[in-house]
């Protein structure tokens, strides 16, 4: 429904973290051997559905070209959403 980046490893059937770790090790070794500066940034969008506004999620789906039916389902799911803790 929504195209993913080929490096996406979460929530899909793939080799997982080991492939990305091997890639990172290769990049670090190459930078060291060539005496080149290297910056590494890890971004963790933990619990994104809890912390990102629902309208932002819908907008991102639209920008990524998600199927309009899926976007409609998501809109309906978030419409008048409330939660009670007892």
N, C-alpha and C. Protein backbone atom coordinates (compact mmCIF):
# COMPACT_ATOMS: atom_id res chain seq x y z
N UNK A 1 0.82 -1.20 0.00
CA UNK A 1 0.00 0.00 0.00
C UNK A 1 0.86 1.26 0.00
N UNK A 2 2.06 1.15 0.54
CA UNK A 2 2.94 2.32 0.64
C UNK A 2 4.36 1.86 0.34
N UNK A 3 5.03 2.45 -0.66
CA UNK A 3 6.39 2.01 -0.99
C UNK A 3 7.35 2.25 0.16
N UNK A 4 8.21 1.27 0.42
CA UNK A 4 9.18 1.36 1.50
C UNK A 4 10.58 1.57 0.95
N UNK A 5 11.42 2.18 1.76
CA UNK A 5 12.83 2.31 1.42
C UNK A 5 13.43 0.91 1.39
N UNK A 6 14.29 0.60 0.41
CA UNK A 6 14.88 -0.74 0.35
C UNK A 6 15.70 -1.11 1.58
N UNK A 7 16.13 -0.15 2.39
CA UNK A 7 16.88 -0.44 3.60
C UNK A 7 15.97 -0.66 4.82
N UNK A 8 14.67 -0.51 4.66
CA UNK A 8 13.72 -0.72 5.75
C UNK A 8 13.85 -2.14 6.26
N UNK A 9 13.98 -2.31 7.57
CA UNK A 9 14.12 -3.65 8.15
C UNK A 9 13.05 -3.95 9.18
N UNK A 10 12.46 -2.93 9.76
CA UNK A 10 11.43 -3.17 10.76
C UNK A 10 10.09 -3.49 10.13
N UNK A 11 9.36 -4.40 10.73
CA UNK A 11 8.00 -4.74 10.35
C UNK A 11 7.86 -5.39 8.98
N UNK A 12 8.95 -5.96 8.47
CA UNK A 12 8.88 -6.69 7.20
C UNK A 12 9.70 -7.97 7.35
N UNK A 13 9.45 -8.92 6.45
CA UNK A 13 10.24 -10.14 6.44
C UNK A 13 11.53 -9.87 5.66
N UNK A 14 12.62 -9.80 6.38
CA UNK A 14 13.91 -9.50 5.76
C UNK A 14 15.01 -10.03 6.68
N UNK A 15 16.24 -9.93 6.22
CA UNK A 15 17.38 -10.42 6.98
C UNK A 15 17.49 -9.73 8.34
N UNK A 16 16.91 -8.55 8.46
CA UNK A 16 16.88 -7.87 9.74
C UNK A 16 18.11 -7.05 10.03
N UNK A 17 18.37 -6.89 11.31
CA UNK A 17 19.43 -5.99 11.76
C UNK A 17 20.81 -6.45 11.34
N UNK A 18 21.04 -7.75 11.22
CA UNK A 18 22.39 -8.24 10.92
C UNK A 18 22.92 -7.68 9.60
N UNK A 19 22.06 -7.57 8.61
CA UNK A 19 22.50 -7.03 7.32
C UNK A 19 22.88 -5.56 7.46
N UNK A 20 22.09 -4.78 8.19
CA UNK A 20 22.42 -3.38 8.38
C UNK A 20 23.68 -3.20 9.23
N UNK A 21 23.89 -4.08 10.22
CA UNK A 21 25.11 -4.01 11.03
C UNK A 21 26.34 -4.30 10.18
N UNK A 22 26.25 -5.29 9.31
CA UNK A 22 27.37 -5.60 8.41
C UNK A 22 27.67 -4.42 7.50
N UNK A 23 26.62 -3.77 7.00
CA UNK A 23 26.80 -2.60 6.15
C UNK A 23 27.49 -1.48 6.92
N UNK A 24 27.06 -1.25 8.17
CA UNK A 24 27.69 -0.21 9.00
C UNK A 24 29.15 -0.54 9.27
N UNK A 25 29.46 -1.80 9.58
CA UNK A 25 30.85 -2.20 9.80
C UNK A 25 31.70 -1.94 8.56
N UNK A 26 31.17 -2.24 7.40
CA UNK A 26 31.90 -2.02 6.14
C UNK A 26 32.17 -0.54 5.94
N UNK A 27 31.19 0.29 6.22
CA UNK A 27 31.36 1.74 6.05
C UNK A 27 32.41 2.27 7.03
N UNK A 28 32.37 1.81 8.28
CA UNK A 28 33.34 2.25 9.28
C UNK A 28 34.75 1.81 8.90
N UNK A 29 34.90 0.56 8.48
CA UNK A 29 36.23 0.06 8.06
C UNK A 29 36.78 0.87 6.89
N UNK A 30 35.91 1.16 5.91
CA UNK A 30 36.36 1.93 4.74
C UNK A 30 36.80 3.32 5.15
N UNK A 31 36.05 3.97 6.03
CA UNK A 31 36.41 5.31 6.49
C UNK A 31 37.73 5.30 7.24
N UNK A 32 37.94 4.28 8.08
CA UNK A 32 39.20 4.17 8.82
C UNK A 32 40.38 3.93 7.89
N UNK A 33 40.22 3.01 6.97
CA UNK A 33 41.34 2.67 6.08
C UNK A 33 41.68 3.82 5.14
N UNK A 34 40.70 4.63 4.79
CA UNK A 34 40.95 5.77 3.90
C UNK A 34 41.17 7.08 4.67
N UNK A 35 41.21 6.98 6.02
CA UNK A 35 41.42 8.14 6.88
C UNK A 35 40.44 9.27 6.54
N UNK A 36 39.18 8.89 6.40
CA UNK A 36 38.13 9.86 6.08
C UNK A 36 37.23 10.03 7.29
N UNK A 37 36.77 11.27 7.52
CA UNK A 37 35.86 11.50 8.64
C UNK A 37 34.52 10.80 8.37
N UNK A 38 33.89 10.36 9.43
CA UNK A 38 32.61 9.67 9.29
C UNK A 38 31.70 10.05 10.45
N UNK A 39 30.50 10.43 10.13
CA UNK A 39 29.49 10.71 11.14
C UNK A 39 28.38 9.68 11.02
N UNK A 40 27.92 9.16 12.15
CA UNK A 40 26.86 8.16 12.15
C UNK A 40 25.74 8.68 13.05
N UNK A 41 24.53 8.63 12.54
CA UNK A 41 23.38 9.08 13.30
C UNK A 41 22.37 7.94 13.36
N UNK A 42 21.89 7.64 14.56
CA UNK A 42 20.85 6.64 14.74
C UNK A 42 19.56 7.36 15.12
N UNK A 43 18.53 7.13 14.36
CA UNK A 43 17.24 7.75 14.62
C UNK A 43 16.26 6.66 15.04
N UNK A 44 15.69 6.83 16.20
CA UNK A 44 14.73 5.87 16.72
C UNK A 44 13.39 6.56 16.89
N UNK A 45 12.45 6.19 16.07
CA UNK A 45 11.12 6.78 16.16
C UNK A 45 10.26 5.81 16.96
N UNK A 46 10.61 5.67 18.21
CA UNK A 46 9.91 4.72 19.09
C UNK A 46 8.49 5.17 19.33
N UNK A 47 7.60 4.22 19.28
CA UNK A 47 6.19 4.47 19.54
C UNK A 47 5.66 5.64 18.71
N UNK A 48 6.00 5.67 17.44
CA UNK A 48 5.61 6.78 16.58
C UNK A 48 4.11 7.00 16.56
N UNK A 49 3.36 5.92 16.61
CA UNK A 49 1.91 6.08 16.55
C UNK A 49 1.37 6.71 17.83
N UNK A 50 2.14 6.67 18.93
CA UNK A 50 1.71 7.31 20.16
C UNK A 50 2.10 8.78 20.21
N UNK A 51 3.17 9.15 19.52
CA UNK A 51 3.71 10.49 19.67
C UNK A 51 3.56 11.38 18.45
N UNK A 52 3.26 10.82 17.29
CA UNK A 52 3.09 11.60 16.06
C UNK A 52 1.61 11.86 15.87
N UNK A 53 1.27 13.12 15.57
CA UNK A 53 -0.13 13.46 15.36
C UNK A 53 -0.74 12.65 14.22
N UNK A 54 -1.98 12.26 14.40
CA UNK A 54 -2.65 11.42 13.40
C UNK A 54 -2.71 12.11 12.04
N UNK A 55 -2.92 13.41 12.02
CA UNK A 55 -2.97 14.12 10.74
C UNK A 55 -1.62 14.06 10.02
N UNK A 56 -0.52 14.00 10.79
CA UNK A 56 0.81 13.87 10.17
C UNK A 56 0.98 12.49 9.53
N UNK A 57 0.46 11.46 10.19
CA UNK A 57 0.54 10.11 9.63
C UNK A 57 -0.24 10.03 8.33
N UNK A 58 -1.45 10.59 8.32
CA UNK A 58 -2.27 10.59 7.10
C UNK A 58 -1.56 11.36 5.99
N UNK A 59 -1.00 12.51 6.32
CA UNK A 59 -0.29 13.32 5.32
C UNK A 59 0.91 12.56 4.75
N UNK A 60 1.65 11.87 5.62
CA UNK A 60 2.81 11.10 5.16
C UNK A 60 2.38 9.97 4.22
N UNK A 61 1.28 9.31 4.56
CA UNK A 61 0.77 8.25 3.67
C UNK A 61 0.41 8.81 2.30
N UNK A 62 -0.21 9.99 2.29
CA UNK A 62 -0.57 10.63 1.02
C UNK A 62 0.67 10.98 0.22
N UNK A 63 1.68 11.53 0.89
CA UNK A 63 2.92 11.89 0.21
C UNK A 63 3.64 10.68 -0.35
N UNK A 64 3.57 9.54 0.34
CA UNK A 64 4.25 8.32 -0.10
C UNK A 64 3.46 7.56 -1.15
N UNK A 65 2.28 8.05 -1.49
CA UNK A 65 1.50 7.41 -2.55
C UNK A 65 0.76 6.17 -2.10
N UNK A 66 0.36 6.14 -0.82
CA UNK A 66 -0.39 4.99 -0.32
C UNK A 66 -1.74 4.91 -1.02
N UNK A 67 -2.27 3.72 -1.10
CA UNK A 67 -3.57 3.49 -1.71
C UNK A 67 -4.63 4.35 -1.01
N UNK A 68 -5.46 5.08 -1.77
CA UNK A 68 -6.48 5.93 -1.16
C UNK A 68 -7.43 5.17 -0.23
N UNK A 69 -7.69 3.91 -0.53
CA UNK A 69 -8.56 3.11 0.34
C UNK A 69 -7.91 2.92 1.72
N UNK A 70 -6.61 2.66 1.74
CA UNK A 70 -5.88 2.51 3.00
C UNK A 70 -5.91 3.83 3.78
N UNK A 71 -5.71 4.94 3.07
CA UNK A 71 -5.74 6.25 3.73
C UNK A 71 -7.12 6.50 4.33
N UNK A 72 -8.17 6.14 3.59
CA UNK A 72 -9.53 6.28 4.10
C UNK A 72 -9.77 5.44 5.35
N UNK A 73 -9.26 4.21 5.34
CA UNK A 73 -9.39 3.36 6.52
C UNK A 73 -8.68 3.97 7.73
N UNK A 74 -7.48 4.50 7.50
CA UNK A 74 -6.74 5.13 8.58
C UNK A 74 -7.49 6.36 9.11
N UNK A 75 -8.02 7.17 8.20
CA UNK A 75 -8.80 8.33 8.61
C UNK A 75 -9.97 7.92 9.48
N UNK A 76 -10.69 6.90 9.05
CA UNK A 76 -11.84 6.42 9.82
C UNK A 76 -11.43 5.87 11.18
N UNK A 77 -10.28 5.20 11.21
CA UNK A 77 -9.80 4.63 12.46
C UNK A 77 -9.49 5.72 13.48
N UNK A 78 -8.94 6.85 13.02
CA UNK A 78 -8.55 7.93 13.91
C UNK A 78 -9.68 8.93 14.17
N UNK A 79 -10.77 8.85 13.43
CA UNK A 79 -11.88 9.80 13.57
C UNK A 79 -12.55 9.60 14.93
N UNK A 80 -12.70 10.69 15.67
CA UNK A 80 -13.34 10.67 16.99
C UNK A 80 -12.73 9.61 17.90
N UNK A 81 -11.42 9.43 17.81
CA UNK A 81 -10.71 8.43 18.60
C UNK A 81 -10.58 8.91 20.04
N UNK A 82 -10.85 8.04 20.97
CA UNK A 82 -10.62 8.35 22.38
C UNK A 82 -10.25 7.07 23.10
N UNK A 83 -9.62 7.23 24.27
CA UNK A 83 -9.19 6.09 25.04
C UNK A 83 -9.46 6.35 26.51
N UNK A 84 -9.85 5.31 27.20
CA UNK A 84 -10.11 5.42 28.63
C UNK A 84 -9.25 4.41 29.37
N UNK A 85 -8.65 4.84 30.45
CA UNK A 85 -7.86 3.96 31.28
C UNK A 85 -8.63 3.75 32.58
N UNK A 86 -8.90 2.48 32.90
CA UNK A 86 -9.63 2.20 34.14
C UNK A 86 -8.74 1.43 35.11
